[in-house]
Amino acid sequence: MFDTIVSVDKKANTKLSTTAQTIGCAIAYAVGMEDARILLFEEAGIFILEGDAPSIDAIERASQIAMAIVGPRVCNRIRPVDSVRIVRR
């Protein structure tokens, strides 16, 4: 599952929106990313990845894919699924 959120209020943001969609598609169709739950958004020219992924390798792969498209303007906040614990009472 992959979601992209980008504000497109201004003309300049249209290019950012297209770039975010390109990153999103590349990550979504990459091998090993099937079980990742990632949200992608742009803030001040930085593309932020949030959510969870099944492994550290998948998290690193998402960063590599995004950085191949936009260079170092990527902030990865993806967590491994193992670190997300549900507490039931």
N, C-alpha and C. Protein backbone atom coordinates (compact mmCIF):
# COMPACT_ATOMS: atom_id res chain seq x y z
N MET A 1 0.84 -1.17 0.00
CA MET A 1 0.00 0.00 0.00
C MET A 1 0.88 1.23 0.00
N PHE A 2 0.54 2.19 -0.80
CA PHE A 2 1.36 3.38 -0.91
C PHE A 2 0.48 4.59 -1.15
N ASP A 3 0.71 5.64 -0.37
CA ASP A 3 -0.05 6.88 -0.53
C ASP A 3 0.92 8.03 -0.74
N THR A 4 0.54 8.96 -1.59
CA THR A 4 1.34 10.16 -1.84
C THR A 4 0.49 11.37 -1.50
N ILE A 5 1.03 12.24 -0.66
CA ILE A 5 0.33 13.48 -0.32
C ILE A 5 1.25 14.64 -0.67
N VAL A 6 0.81 15.47 -1.59
CA VAL A 6 1.58 16.65 -1.97
C VAL A 6 0.61 17.78 -2.24
N SER A 7 0.90 18.94 -1.69
CA SER A 7 0.08 20.11 -1.95
C SER A 7 0.35 20.59 -3.36
N VAL A 8 -0.70 20.90 -4.12
CA VAL A 8 -0.51 21.37 -5.50
C VAL A 8 -1.18 22.73 -5.67
N ASP A 9 -1.06 23.58 -4.66
CA ASP A 9 -1.69 24.90 -4.71
C ASP A 9 -1.01 25.85 -5.70
N LYS A 10 0.29 25.70 -5.89
CA LYS A 10 1.04 26.61 -6.76
C LYS A 10 1.61 25.84 -7.94
N LYS A 11 1.96 26.58 -8.99
CA LYS A 11 2.53 25.95 -10.18
C LYS A 11 3.80 25.17 -9.87
N ALA A 12 4.66 25.72 -9.03
CA ALA A 12 5.92 25.05 -8.69
C ALA A 12 5.65 23.70 -8.04
N ASN A 13 4.57 23.59 -7.30
CA ASN A 13 4.26 22.34 -6.61
C ASN A 13 3.80 21.25 -7.57
N THR A 14 3.40 21.61 -8.79
CA THR A 14 2.99 20.61 -9.76
C THR A 14 4.16 19.70 -10.09
N LYS A 15 5.34 20.27 -10.25
CA LYS A 15 6.52 19.46 -10.52
C LYS A 15 6.84 18.57 -9.33
N LEU A 16 6.71 19.11 -8.11
CA LEU A 16 6.95 18.31 -6.91
C LEU A 16 5.95 17.17 -6.82
N SER A 17 4.71 17.44 -7.18
CA SER A 17 3.68 16.41 -7.16
C SER A 17 4.02 15.29 -8.13
N THR A 18 4.43 15.65 -9.32
CA THR A 18 4.82 14.65 -10.32
C THR A 18 6.01 13.86 -9.83
N THR A 19 6.98 14.52 -9.22
CA THR A 19 8.16 13.85 -8.69
C THR A 19 7.76 12.89 -7.58
N ALA A 20 6.89 13.31 -6.69
CA ALA A 20 6.43 12.45 -5.60
C ALA A 20 5.71 11.23 -6.15
N GLN A 21 4.90 11.42 -7.18
CA GLN A 21 4.21 10.29 -7.79
C GLN A 21 5.19 9.32 -8.43
N THR A 22 6.24 9.85 -9.04
CA THR A 22 7.27 9.00 -9.64
C THR A 22 7.97 8.17 -8.57
N ILE A 23 8.32 8.82 -7.46
CA ILE A 23 8.95 8.10 -6.34
C ILE A 23 8.00 7.03 -5.82
N GLY A 24 6.75 7.42 -5.61
CA GLY A 24 5.76 6.48 -5.09
C GLY A 24 5.60 5.25 -5.96
N CYS A 25 5.50 5.46 -7.25
CA CYS A 25 5.35 4.33 -8.19
C CYS A 25 6.59 3.43 -8.17
N ALA A 26 7.75 4.06 -8.17
CA ALA A 26 9.00 3.28 -8.18
C ALA A 26 9.11 2.41 -6.93
N ILE A 27 8.76 2.96 -5.77
CA ILE A 27 8.83 2.18 -4.54
C ILE A 27 7.74 1.11 -4.52
N ALA A 28 6.55 1.47 -4.90
CA ALA A 28 5.41 0.53 -4.84
C ALA A 28 5.64 -0.70 -5.71
N TYR A 29 6.31 -0.54 -6.84
CA TYR A 29 6.52 -1.66 -7.76
C TYR A 29 7.87 -2.34 -7.59
N ALA A 30 8.66 -1.91 -6.63
CA ALA A 30 9.96 -2.53 -6.40
C ALA A 30 9.79 -3.89 -5.73
N VAL A 31 10.65 -4.80 -6.07
CA VAL A 31 10.63 -6.14 -5.47
C VAL A 31 10.88 -6.03 -3.97
N GLY A 32 10.09 -6.73 -3.19
CA GLY A 32 10.26 -6.74 -1.75
C GLY A 32 9.49 -5.67 -1.01
N MET A 33 8.80 -4.81 -1.73
CA MET A 33 8.06 -3.72 -1.08
C MET A 33 6.56 -4.01 -0.98
N GLU A 34 6.15 -5.23 -1.32
CA GLU A 34 4.73 -5.58 -1.37
C GLU A 34 4.02 -5.39 -0.03
N ASP A 35 4.71 -5.68 1.06
CA ASP A 35 4.09 -5.60 2.38
C ASP A 35 4.38 -4.29 3.11
N ALA A 36 5.05 -3.36 2.45
CA ALA A 36 5.35 -2.06 3.07
C ALA A 36 4.10 -1.18 3.06
N ARG A 37 3.95 -0.41 4.10
CA ARG A 37 2.86 0.57 4.22
C ARG A 37 3.54 1.93 4.36
N ILE A 38 3.63 2.64 3.26
CA ILE A 38 4.42 3.88 3.23
C ILE A 38 3.57 5.05 2.77
N LEU A 39 3.75 6.15 3.45
CA LEU A 39 3.13 7.42 3.10
C LEU A 39 4.25 8.34 2.65
N LEU A 40 4.09 8.98 1.51
CA LEU A 40 5.10 9.89 0.98
C LEU A 40 4.51 11.27 0.88
N PHE A 41 5.23 12.26 1.41
CA PHE A 41 4.80 13.63 1.22
C PHE A 41 6.00 14.54 1.08
N GLU A 42 5.75 15.72 0.54
CA GLU A 42 6.80 16.71 0.29
C GLU A 42 6.57 17.89 1.21
N GLU A 43 7.66 18.36 1.81
CA GLU A 43 7.60 19.54 2.65
C GLU A 43 8.88 20.35 2.42
N ALA A 44 8.71 21.57 1.93
CA ALA A 44 9.85 22.47 1.67
C ALA A 44 10.91 21.83 0.78
N GLY A 45 10.46 21.07 -0.20
CA GLY A 45 11.39 20.46 -1.15
C GLY A 45 12.03 19.17 -0.69
N ILE A 46 11.69 18.72 0.51
CA ILE A 46 12.20 17.45 1.05
C ILE A 46 11.08 16.41 0.92
N PHE A 47 11.42 15.24 0.42
CA PHE A 47 10.45 14.16 0.27
C PHE A 47 10.57 13.25 1.49
N ILE A 48 9.48 13.14 2.23
CA ILE A 48 9.47 12.41 3.50
C ILE A 48 8.72 11.09 3.33
N LEU A 49 9.38 10.01 3.74
CA LEU A 49 8.81 8.67 3.69
C LEU A 49 8.45 8.29 5.13
N GLU A 50 7.20 7.91 5.37
CA GLU A 50 6.75 7.49 6.69
C GLU A 50 5.96 6.21 6.57
N GLY A 51 5.91 5.45 7.63
CA GLY A 51 5.12 4.23 7.67
C GLY A 51 5.91 3.08 8.22
N ASP A 52 5.58 1.88 7.77
CA ASP A 52 6.33 0.72 8.22
C ASP A 52 6.58 -0.23 7.07
N ALA A 53 7.64 -1.01 7.22
CA ALA A 53 8.07 -1.95 6.18
C ALA A 53 8.47 -3.26 6.85
N PRO A 54 8.45 -4.35 6.10
CA PRO A 54 8.68 -5.67 6.70
C PRO A 54 10.12 -5.93 7.15
N SER A 55 11.07 -5.13 6.70
CA SER A 55 12.47 -5.39 7.05
C SER A 55 13.32 -4.12 6.92
N ILE A 56 14.49 -4.18 7.52
CA ILE A 56 15.46 -3.08 7.40
C ILE A 56 15.87 -2.94 5.93
N ASP A 57 16.03 -4.08 5.25
CA ASP A 57 16.40 -4.04 3.82
C ASP A 57 15.36 -3.28 3.00
N ALA A 58 14.08 -3.50 3.30
CA ALA A 58 13.01 -2.80 2.57
C ALA A 58 13.06 -1.30 2.86
N ILE A 59 13.36 -0.94 4.09
CA ILE A 59 13.47 0.48 4.46
C ILE A 59 14.61 1.14 3.71
N GLU A 60 15.75 0.48 3.69
CA GLU A 60 16.91 1.01 2.96
C GLU A 60 16.64 1.08 1.47
N ARG A 61 15.95 0.09 0.95
CA ARG A 61 15.61 0.07 -0.49
C ARG A 61 14.71 1.24 -0.85
N ALA A 62 13.73 1.56 0.00
CA ALA A 62 12.86 2.70 -0.25
C ALA A 62 13.67 3.99 -0.33
N SER A 63 14.63 4.15 0.58
CA SER A 63 15.50 5.34 0.55
C SER A 63 16.33 5.38 -0.73
N GLN A 64 16.91 4.25 -1.09
CA GLN A 64 17.75 4.19 -2.29
C GLN A 64 16.95 4.56 -3.53
N ILE A 65 15.74 4.07 -3.62
CA ILE A 65 14.90 4.37 -4.78
C ILE A 65 14.58 5.86 -4.84
N ALA A 66 14.15 6.41 -3.71
CA ALA A 66 13.81 7.84 -3.67
C ALA A 66 15.03 8.70 -3.97
N MET A 67 16.17 8.34 -3.40
CA MET A 67 17.39 9.14 -3.62
C MET A 67 17.89 9.03 -5.05
N ALA A 68 17.63 7.92 -5.72
CA ALA A 68 18.00 7.79 -7.13
C ALA A 68 17.21 8.76 -8.00
N ILE A 69 16.04 9.15 -7.52
CA ILE A 69 15.19 10.06 -8.28
C ILE A 69 15.43 11.52 -7.92
N VAL A 70 15.57 11.83 -6.62
CA VAL A 70 15.69 13.23 -6.20
C VAL A 70 16.99 13.57 -5.48
N GLY A 71 17.90 12.64 -5.39
CA GLY A 71 19.15 12.92 -4.70
C GLY A 71 18.96 12.90 -3.18
N PRO A 72 19.73 13.69 -2.48
CA PRO A 72 19.72 13.62 -1.01
C PRO A 72 18.52 14.28 -0.34
N ARG A 73 17.56 14.76 -1.09
CA ARG A 73 16.40 15.46 -0.50
C ARG A 73 15.33 14.48 -0.02
N VAL A 74 15.76 13.46 0.73
CA VAL A 74 14.86 12.42 1.23
C VAL A 74 15.05 12.26 2.73
N CYS A 75 13.96 12.22 3.45
CA CYS A 75 13.97 11.95 4.89
C CYS A 75 13.19 10.66 5.10
N ASN A 76 13.85 9.64 5.61
CA ASN A 76 13.22 8.34 5.78
C ASN A 76 12.80 8.16 7.23
N ARG A 77 11.50 8.09 7.46
CA ARG A 77 10.94 7.85 8.80
C ARG A 77 10.20 6.52 8.84
N ILE A 78 10.55 5.63 7.95
CA ILE A 78 9.91 4.31 7.91
C ILE A 78 10.46 3.45 9.04
N ARG A 79 9.57 2.73 9.71
CA ARG A 79 9.96 1.85 10.81
C ARG A 79 9.79 0.40 10.38
N PRO A 80 10.63 -0.48 10.94
CA PRO A 80 10.40 -1.91 10.68
C PRO A 80 9.13 -2.37 11.40
N VAL A 81 8.40 -3.27 10.79
CA VAL A 81 7.14 -3.75 11.37
C VAL A 81 7.37 -4.31 12.77
N ASP A 82 8.49 -4.96 13.00
CA ASP A 82 8.78 -5.54 14.32
C ASP A 82 8.80 -4.50 15.43
N SER A 83 9.09 -3.23 15.09
CA SER A 83 9.17 -2.19 16.12
C SER A 83 7.80 -1.64 16.46
N VAL A 84 6.80 -2.00 15.65
CA VAL A 84 5.43 -1.52 15.90
C VAL A 84 4.69 -2.61 16.68
N ARG A 85 4.43 -2.33 17.91
CA ARG A 85 3.77 -3.32 18.76
C ARG A 85 2.38 -2.83 19.14
N ILE A 86 1.43 -3.71 19.08
CA ILE A 86 0.07 -3.37 19.45
C ILE A 86 -0.18 -3.92 20.86
N VAL A 87 -0.57 -3.04 21.74
CA VAL A 87 -0.85 -3.42 23.12
C VAL A 87 -2.35 -3.57 23.26
N ARG A 88 -2.78 -4.73 23.68
CA ARG A 88 -4.21 -4.98 23.88
C ARG A 88 -4.48 -5.15 25.35
N ARG A 89 -5.56 -4.59 25.78
CA ARG A 89 -5.93 -4.70 27.20
C ARG A 89 -7.24 -5.44 27.34
